[in-house]
């Protein structure tokens, strides 16, 4: 249910921006999702669709792009782009790697009319 809080925060920011800029409606949410995120794209879409009912964002599309995240090796301290299929450090081949997650979901922009 972590996605509900994320959706609430995104909607709040989007509505504040749209109101401040006198938009008639929000037509799309553009979101980046970290490759390391455990949350569900479908859940985020569901919560955004539910929360936007009765607002100027009702019916807005939700576009989610998966983006790589930074990775770190526990053995050589090397930095690299982490993806879920990465099994070893590209620098030293150690299997002791982890993603360095900052934002699992990030609202990058909204489209308005």
Protein backbone atom coordinates (compact mmCIF):
# COMPACT_ATOMS: atom_id res chain seq x y z
CA UNK A 1 0.00 0.00 0.00
CA UNK A 2 3.11 2.19 -0.17
CA UNK A 3 1.98 3.13 -3.68
CA UNK A 4 -1.06 4.95 -2.26
CA UNK A 5 1.13 7.42 -0.37
CA UNK A 6 3.29 7.93 -3.44
CA UNK A 7 0.19 8.57 -5.56
CA UNK A 8 -1.19 11.03 -3.00
CA UNK A 9 2.07 12.99 -2.99
CA UNK A 10 2.26 13.05 -6.79
CA UNK A 11 -1.32 14.20 -7.11
CA UNK A 12 -0.83 16.95 -4.54
CA UNK A 13 2.20 18.33 -6.39
CA UNK A 14 0.48 18.06 -9.77
CA UNK A 15 -2.70 19.80 -8.60
CA UNK A 16 -0.74 22.61 -6.95
CA UNK A 17 1.25 23.18 -10.13
CA UNK A 18 -1.80 23.00 -12.40
CA UNK A 19 -3.80 25.39 -10.21
CA UNK A 20 -0.91 27.84 -9.93
CA UNK A 21 -0.56 27.85 -13.73
CA UNK A 22 -4.31 28.10 -14.37
CA UNK A 23 -4.55 24.78 -16.19
CA UNK A 24 -8.04 23.55 -17.01
CA UNK A 25 -7.09 19.92 -16.57
CA UNK A 26 -4.21 17.50 -16.19
CA UNK A 27 -4.09 15.04 -19.07
CA UNK A 28 -1.04 12.96 -18.19
CA UNK A 29 1.33 12.08 -15.36
CA UNK A 30 4.87 11.25 -16.52
CA UNK A 31 6.62 9.09 -13.95
CA UNK A 32 10.02 7.45 -13.70
CA UNK A 33 10.26 4.22 -11.73
CA UNK A 34 13.61 2.94 -10.47
CA UNK A 35 14.66 -0.47 -11.77
CA UNK A 36 15.18 -1.39 -8.11
CA UNK A 37 11.66 -0.46 -6.98
CA UNK A 38 9.68 -3.26 -5.37
CA UNK A 39 6.41 -1.40 -5.78
CA UNK A 40 3.95 -2.18 -8.53
CA UNK A 41 3.33 -0.03 -11.60
CA UNK A 42 -0.23 -1.33 -11.71
CA UNK A 43 -0.87 -0.35 -8.09
CA UNK A 44 0.46 3.18 -8.67
CA UNK A 45 -1.80 3.53 -11.73
CA UNK A 46 -4.78 2.21 -9.76
CA UNK A 47 -4.27 4.66 -6.89
CA UNK A 48 -3.71 7.63 -9.19
CA UNK A 49 -6.86 6.79 -11.14
CA UNK A 50 -8.84 6.42 -7.91
CA UNK A 51 -7.49 9.55 -6.25
CA UNK A 52 -7.99 11.78 -9.29
CA UNK A 53 -11.76 11.22 -9.44
CA UNK A 54 -13.53 14.54 -9.01
CA UNK A 55 -10.34 16.56 -9.57
CA UNK A 56 -8.97 18.35 -12.62
CA UNK A 57 -6.75 15.30 -13.12
CA UNK A 58 -9.66 12.87 -13.54
CA UNK A 59 -9.06 10.63 -16.55
CA UNK A 60 -5.38 11.56 -16.86
CA UNK A 61 -3.10 8.96 -18.40
CA UNK A 62 -0.20 7.59 -16.35
CA UNK A 63 3.02 6.95 -18.27
CA UNK A 64 5.69 5.07 -16.31
CA UNK A 65 9.23 4.64 -17.61
CA UNK A 66 11.57 2.17 -15.89
CA UNK A 67 14.98 3.74 -15.37
CA UNK A 68 18.24 2.17 -14.21
CA UNK A 69 19.59 3.07 -10.80
CA UNK A 70 23.08 3.38 -9.39
CA UNK A 71 24.64 0.21 -8.08
CA UNK A 72 27.48 -0.34 -5.62
CA UNK A 73 29.79 -3.28 -5.06
CA UNK A 74 30.43 -4.31 -1.45
CA UNK A 75 33.87 -5.70 -2.33
CA UNK A 76 35.57 -3.17 -4.64
CA UNK A 77 33.24 -0.20 -3.89
CA UNK A 78 32.78 0.24 -7.64
CA UNK A 79 29.81 2.26 -8.95
CA UNK A 80 27.76 1.18 -11.97
CA UNK A 81 24.24 1.20 -13.41
CA UNK A 82 22.23 -1.50 -11.64
CA UNK A 83 19.49 -3.54 -13.30
CA UNK A 84 17.51 -6.45 -11.81
CA UNK A 85 19.30 -8.98 -14.04
CA UNK A 86 22.78 -7.90 -12.88
CA UNK A 87 24.37 -10.77 -10.94
CA UNK A 88 27.95 -9.56 -10.52
CA UNK A 89 29.97 -6.38 -10.30
CA UNK A 90 31.07 -5.30 -13.78
CA UNK A 91 34.43 -4.20 -12.29
CA UNK A 92 35.53 -7.15 -10.12
CA UNK A 93 32.86 -9.85 -10.82
CA UNK A 94 31.84 -10.03 -7.15
CA UNK A 95 28.25 -11.17 -6.62
CA UNK A 96 28.03 -8.84 -3.59
CA UNK A 97 26.27 -5.92 -5.28
CA UNK A 98 23.30 -3.79 -4.33
CA UNK A 99 21.21 -1.04 -5.87
CA UNK A 100 21.54 2.44 -4.38
CA UNK A 101 17.95 3.63 -4.40
CA UNK A 102 17.06 7.28 -3.93
CA UNK A 103 13.60 7.74 -5.43
CA UNK A 104 11.69 4.61 -6.36
CA UNK A 105 9.07 6.68 -8.17
CA UNK A 106 9.51 10.24 -9.38
CA UNK A 107 6.95 12.50 -11.01
CA UNK A 108 9.00 14.04 -13.82
CA UNK A 109 6.27 16.14 -15.46
CA UNK A 110 2.58 16.54 -16.11
CA UNK A 111 0.76 17.44 -19.30
CA UNK A 112 -2.01 20.02 -18.96
CA UNK A 113 -4.58 21.85 -21.05
